[in-house]
Amino acid sequence: LFRSMIKLSDYINGTIDVEYGKSPIVLTFDDGNDNNIKVTGLDEDGNIIIDKNSAVGVLEEFKKKYPDYNVTAIFFVNSGIFNQPEYNEKILKWLIDNGYEVGNHTKNHDNLSKTTTSETQEVVGYMYDKLENIIGNKYQKIVALPFGSPYLKTHDNYKYVLNGTYNGKSYETISALRVGWEPEVSPFNKEFDKTFLKRCRAYDNNGVDFDIEMVFNMLEKTKYISDGNIKTIVTSNSNSDKINSDNDKEIILYE
């Protein structure tokens, strides 16, 4: 286990609390499909029973097998949440209580390159409002852009992904995620832009078309490896000009 899961919010904030020698990895799930977390019923105490073959079921079994390993992920949902109306609210609360995160995937998986500015605010603000009503302020102010749209930050709608008004309330988005194809840089890199983050697709295609094998091969010589100290950044002298100085970490350089 050379990789350690961390929360997306921690990556965005530069809080890389990972053991020495391990590389952080962030798991994201879009669309709120019921195979993300499938509930088969409630136990005698009213707690949800999770199908072990759903994504969260698999993660929870992994957690039992490796209790010292940090297991987490973030789930980006639409208005149908996890498409299990009788359990949706319980699922959201269970995720938060058990170390997972929840984010915004717009009201109806909307293509934000085709909506008007007012529609953009409605579909983004609606989901923030819905999550607020169910789990209070425990959701993440992060939007996973449906279809990756709008595809450019210069698009007229993009500023309304980040800031807008819905139902008489203002919202602010801290980060937005694009459709995945290649790894993102370290949060301490000058090129890091939390408002327009790249992702990798976790599928197997025999090492081609940016599948997971290809991604890991790409990272072989450039992956982030933790020094085990959350307060420091360690890198080579040749990389020193890439470090964003706007952080509170001690920078340690080597030849």
Protein backbone atom coordinates (compact mmCIF):
# COMPACT_ATOMS: atom_id res chain seq x y z
CA LEU A 1 0.00 0.00 0.00
CA PHE A 2 2.24 2.78 -1.30
CA ARG A 3 -0.62 5.25 -1.67
CA SER A 4 -2.70 6.86 1.03
CA MET A 5 -6.20 8.24 0.52
CA ILE A 6 -6.80 11.83 1.58
CA LYS A 7 -9.83 14.09 1.43
CA LEU A 8 -10.19 16.33 -1.59
CA SER A 9 -10.62 19.31 0.73
CA ASP A 10 -7.25 18.50 2.35
CA TYR A 11 -5.53 18.33 -1.03
CA ILE A 12 -7.03 21.67 -2.04
CA ASN A 13 -5.92 23.23 1.26
CA GLY A 14 -2.43 21.74 1.10
CA THR A 15 -2.96 19.55 4.15
CA ILE A 16 -1.10 16.42 3.03
CA ASP A 17 -1.06 14.30 6.17
CA VAL A 18 0.48 11.17 4.69
CA GLU A 19 3.06 8.74 6.03
CA TYR A 20 6.68 8.98 4.94
CA GLY A 21 7.25 7.39 1.54
CA LYS A 22 3.59 7.24 0.54
CA SER A 23 1.78 9.17 -2.19
CA PRO A 24 -1.60 10.81 -1.57
CA ILE A 25 -4.56 9.81 -3.72
CA VAL A 26 -8.04 11.36 -3.88
CA LEU A 27 -11.08 9.31 -4.89
CA THR A 28 -14.02 11.13 -6.49
CA PHE A 29 -17.40 9.75 -7.60
CA ASP A 30 -19.85 11.67 -9.79
CA ASP A 31 -23.58 11.40 -10.54
CA GLY A 32 -24.86 9.82 -7.31
CA ASN A 33 -25.47 6.46 -8.96
CA ASP A 34 -26.91 3.96 -6.51
CA ASN A 35 -23.93 1.69 -7.10
CA ASN A 36 -21.84 4.33 -5.29
CA ILE A 37 -23.58 3.42 -2.05
CA LYS A 38 -26.47 0.96 -2.34
CA VAL A 39 -28.70 0.63 0.71
CA THR A 40 -30.47 -2.70 1.12
CA GLY A 41 -32.51 -1.74 4.19
CA LEU A 42 -32.23 -0.60 7.80
CA ASP A 43 -31.04 -2.55 10.83
CA GLU A 44 -33.02 -2.78 14.07
CA ASP A 45 -31.52 0.54 15.21
CA GLY A 46 -32.54 2.36 12.04
CA ASN A 47 -29.04 2.47 10.57
CA ILE A 48 -28.55 1.92 6.85
CA ILE A 49 -27.31 -1.47 5.64
CA ILE A 50 -24.84 -0.97 2.79
CA ASP A 51 -24.46 -3.45 -0.07
CA LYS A 52 -20.89 -4.76 0.11
CA ASN A 53 -20.71 -4.73 -3.70
CA SER A 54 -21.34 -0.99 -3.97
CA ALA A 55 -18.35 1.38 -3.97
CA VAL A 56 -18.73 2.41 -0.34
CA GLY A 57 -19.32 -1.20 0.63
CA VAL A 58 -16.00 -2.14 -0.97
CA LEU A 59 -14.24 0.78 0.73
CA GLU A 60 -15.71 -0.15 4.12
CA GLU A 61 -14.55 -3.76 3.73
CA PHE A 62 -11.09 -2.46 2.84
CA LYS A 63 -11.20 -0.31 5.97
CA LYS A 64 -11.95 -3.39 8.09
CA LYS A 65 -9.09 -5.32 6.50
CA TYR A 66 -6.62 -2.45 6.92
CA PRO A 67 -7.81 -0.50 9.98
CA ASP A 68 -4.71 1.72 10.03
CA TYR A 69 -5.24 2.84 6.43
CA ASN A 70 -7.13 6.10 5.88
CA VAL A 71 -10.17 5.40 3.71
CA THR A 72 -12.12 8.30 2.25
CA ALA A 73 -13.69 9.67 -0.94
CA ILE A 74 -15.93 12.50 -2.11
CA PHE A 75 -19.30 12.00 -3.81
CA PHE A 76 -20.70 14.65 -6.16
CA VAL A 77 -24.47 14.45 -6.39
CA ASN A 78 -27.35 15.84 -8.43
CA SER A 79 -30.89 16.54 -7.20
CA GLY A 80 -31.65 12.80 -7.07
CA ILE A 81 -28.82 12.44 -4.51
CA PHE A 82 -28.22 8.65 -4.66
CA ASN A 83 -31.54 7.87 -6.37
CA GLN A 84 -32.87 6.12 -3.28
CA PRO A 85 -35.52 8.57 -2.01
CA GLU A 86 -36.32 6.60 1.13
CA TYR A 87 -32.65 6.54 2.16
CA ASN A 88 -31.06 9.62 0.57
CA GLU A 89 -30.95 11.76 3.71
CA LYS A 90 -29.66 8.91 5.85
CA ILE A 91 -26.98 8.17 3.27
CA LEU A 92 -25.71 11.76 3.21
CA LYS A 93 -25.55 11.92 6.99
CA TRP A 94 -23.86 8.51 7.18
CA LEU A 95 -21.18 9.57 4.68
CA ILE A 96 -20.33 12.69 6.64
CA ASP A 97 -20.29 10.82 9.95
CA ASN A 98 -17.97 8.16 8.53
CA GLY A 99 -15.20 10.28 7.06
CA TYR A 100 -16.43 10.84 3.50
CA GLU A 101 -17.20 14.11 1.72
CA VAL A 102 -20.11 15.32 -0.42
CA GLY A 103 -20.05 17.93 -3.17
CA ASN A 104 -22.11 19.61 -5.89
CA HIS A 105 -22.71 18.14 -9.37
CA THR A 106 -25.49 20.62 -10.31
CA LYS A 107 -29.24 20.12 -10.13
CA ASN A 108 -29.76 17.92 -13.18
CA HIS A 109 -26.26 17.14 -14.44
CA ASP A 110 -26.53 20.34 -16.44
CA ASN A 111 -24.25 21.24 -19.32
CA LEU A 112 -23.01 24.62 -18.12
CA SER A 113 -21.79 25.65 -21.56
CA LYS A 114 -25.44 25.72 -22.70
CA THR A 115 -27.23 27.29 -19.73
CA THR A 116 -27.93 31.00 -19.37
CA THR A 117 -26.23 32.91 -16.57
CA SER A 118 -29.39 32.79 -14.48
CA GLU A 119 -29.85 29.07 -15.15
CA THR A 120 -26.23 28.43 -14.18
CA GLN A 121 -26.81 30.08 -10.82
CA GLU A 122 -30.02 28.13 -10.36
CA VAL A 123 -28.56 24.67 -11.02
CA VAL A 124 -25.44 25.28 -8.93
CA GLY A 125 -27.18 27.17 -6.13
CA TYR A 126 -30.03 24.64 -5.96
CA MET A 127 -27.66 21.82 -5.02
CA TYR A 128 -25.88 23.88 -2.39
CA ASP A 129 -29.27 24.78 -0.95
CA LYS A 130 -30.45 21.16 -0.97
CA LEU A 131 -27.30 19.86 0.73
CA GLU A 132 -27.50 22.68 3.29
CA ASN A 133 -31.06 21.66 4.16
CA ILE A 134 -30.03 18.04 4.77
CA ILE A 135 -26.53 18.18 6.31
CA GLY A 136 -26.09 21.84 7.21
CA ASN A 137 -22.66 23.27 6.42
CA LYS A 138 -20.98 19.85 6.32
CA TYR A 139 -20.92 19.62 2.51
CA GLN A 140 -17.91 20.79 0.50
CA LYS A 141 -18.14 23.96 -1.58
CA ILE A 142 -16.78 22.11 -4.58
CA VAL A 143 -18.46 21.60 -7.96
CA ALA A 144 -17.67 18.67 -10.24
CA LEU A 145 -18.49 20.13 -13.65
CA PRO A 146 -20.91 17.88 -15.59
CA PHE A 147 -19.31 16.92 -18.92
CA GLY A 148 -16.41 19.16 -17.81
CA SER A 149 -18.41 22.17 -19.04
CA PRO A 150 -17.88 25.00 -19.46
CA TYR A 151 -14.55 23.85 -20.80
CA LEU A 152 -12.76 27.18 -20.43
CA LYS A 153 -12.55 29.55 -17.48
CA THR A 154 -13.13 32.41 -19.90
CA HIS A 155 -16.65 31.17 -20.68
CA ASP A 156 -19.33 33.67 -19.61
CA ASN A 157 -20.93 31.14 -17.26
CA TYR A 158 -17.78 30.15 -15.42
CA LYS A 159 -17.78 32.99 -12.93
CA TYR A 160 -21.28 31.88 -11.90
CA VAL A 161 -19.96 28.43 -11.10
CA LEU A 162 -17.70 30.11 -8.56
CA ASN A 163 -20.03 32.82 -7.26
CA GLY A 164 -23.72 33.52 -7.62
CA THR A 165 -27.10 33.93 -6.00
CA TYR A 166 -29.94 31.44 -5.70
CA ASN A 167 -33.19 31.67 -3.75
CA GLY A 168 -32.08 34.95 -2.22
CA LYS A 169 -28.80 33.54 -0.91
CA SER A 170 -25.27 33.96 -2.18
CA TYR A 171 -23.03 30.95 -2.74
CA GLU A 172 -19.28 30.61 -3.19
CA THR A 173 -17.51 27.68 -4.81
CA ILE A 174 -13.97 27.07 -3.58
CA SER A 175 -12.96 24.58 -6.27
CA ALA A 176 -14.28 23.13 -9.51
CA LEU A 177 -13.28 19.81 -11.08
CA ARG A 178 -12.93 19.10 -14.76
CA VAL A 179 -13.52 15.81 -16.57
CA GLY A 180 -10.48 13.66 -15.96
CA TRP A 181 -7.64 12.58 -18.15
CA GLU A 182 -4.30 13.35 -16.46
CA PRO A 183 -2.92 14.01 -12.96
CA GLU A 184 -3.04 17.41 -11.34
CA VAL A 185 0.05 19.08 -9.89
CA SER A 186 1.00 19.41 -6.23
CA PRO A 187 -1.05 22.01 -4.32
CA PHE A 188 2.28 23.75 -3.63
CA ASN A 189 3.08 24.15 -7.33
CA LYS A 190 2.78 27.62 -8.87
CA GLU A 191 0.63 26.09 -11.62
CA PHE A 192 -1.93 24.76 -9.12
CA ASP A 193 -5.35 26.31 -9.75
CA LYS A 194 -7.94 25.03 -7.31
CA THR A 195 -10.75 26.59 -9.32
CA PHE A 196 -10.09 24.38 -12.37
CA LEU A 197 -8.68 21.03 -11.28
CA LYS A 198 -7.85 18.10 -13.55
CA ARG A 199 -8.76 14.53 -12.64
CA CYS A 200 -7.81 11.03 -13.76
CA ARG A 201 -10.31 8.43 -14.91
CA ALA A 202 -10.18 5.16 -12.96
CA TYR A 203 -10.87 2.61 -15.67
CA ASP A 204 -8.82 -0.17 -17.24
CA ASN A 205 -8.05 0.05 -20.95
CA ASN A 206 -4.80 -1.93 -21.21
CA GLY A 207 -2.60 1.08 -20.48
CA VAL A 208 -3.91 3.42 -23.18
CA ASP A 209 -6.25 6.41 -23.54
CA PHE A 210 -5.31 7.78 -20.10
CA ASP A 211 -6.65 4.78 -18.19
CA ILE A 212 -5.46 4.11 -14.64
CA GLU A 213 -2.41 2.09 -15.72
CA MET A 214 -1.29 4.84 -18.09
CA VAL A 215 -1.77 7.46 -15.38
CA PHE A 216 0.33 5.57 -12.85
CA ASN A 217 3.04 5.11 -15.48
CA MET A 218 2.97 8.85 -16.16
CA LEU A 219 3.44 9.50 -12.45
CA GLU A 220 6.34 7.09 -12.01
CA LYS A 221 8.96 9.86 -11.95
CA THR A 222 6.83 12.86 -11.00
CA LYS A 223 4.47 11.63 -8.28
CA TYR A 224 4.21 13.41 -4.95
CA ILE A 225 5.90 11.37 -2.22
CA SER A 226 5.39 12.45 1.36
CA ASP A 227 8.28 13.20 3.71
CA GLY A 228 5.95 12.40 6.59
CA ASN A 229 5.94 15.96 7.94
CA ILE A 230 2.82 18.00 7.33
CA LYS A 231 4.73 21.21 8.02
CA THR A 232 7.41 20.86 5.35
CA ILE A 233 7.84 20.75 1.58
CA VAL A 234 10.82 18.72 0.39
CA THR A 235 11.98 18.89 -3.22
CA SER A 236 15.10 19.23 -5.35
CA ASN A 237 16.92 22.48 -6.02
CA SER A 238 15.93 22.11 -9.67
CA ASN A 239 12.25 22.30 -8.66
CA SER A 240 12.60 25.24 -6.29
CA ASP A 241 11.32 27.75 -8.85
CA LYS A 242 8.06 25.78 -9.15
CA ILE A 243 7.08 26.22 -5.50
CA ASN A 244 4.29 28.64 -4.70
CA SER A 245 5.70 30.78 -1.91
CA ASP A 246 2.21 31.59 -0.63
CA ASN A 247 2.13 28.86 2.01
CA ASP A 248 3.18 28.40 5.62
CA LYS A 249 5.42 25.35 5.06
CA GLU A 250 9.14 25.09 5.70
CA ILE A 251 10.86 24.43 2.37
CA ILE A 252 13.70 21.90 2.37
CA LEU A 253 15.77 21.53 -0.80
CA TYR A 254 18.25 18.85 -1.82
CA GLU A 255 20.66 18.40 -4.72
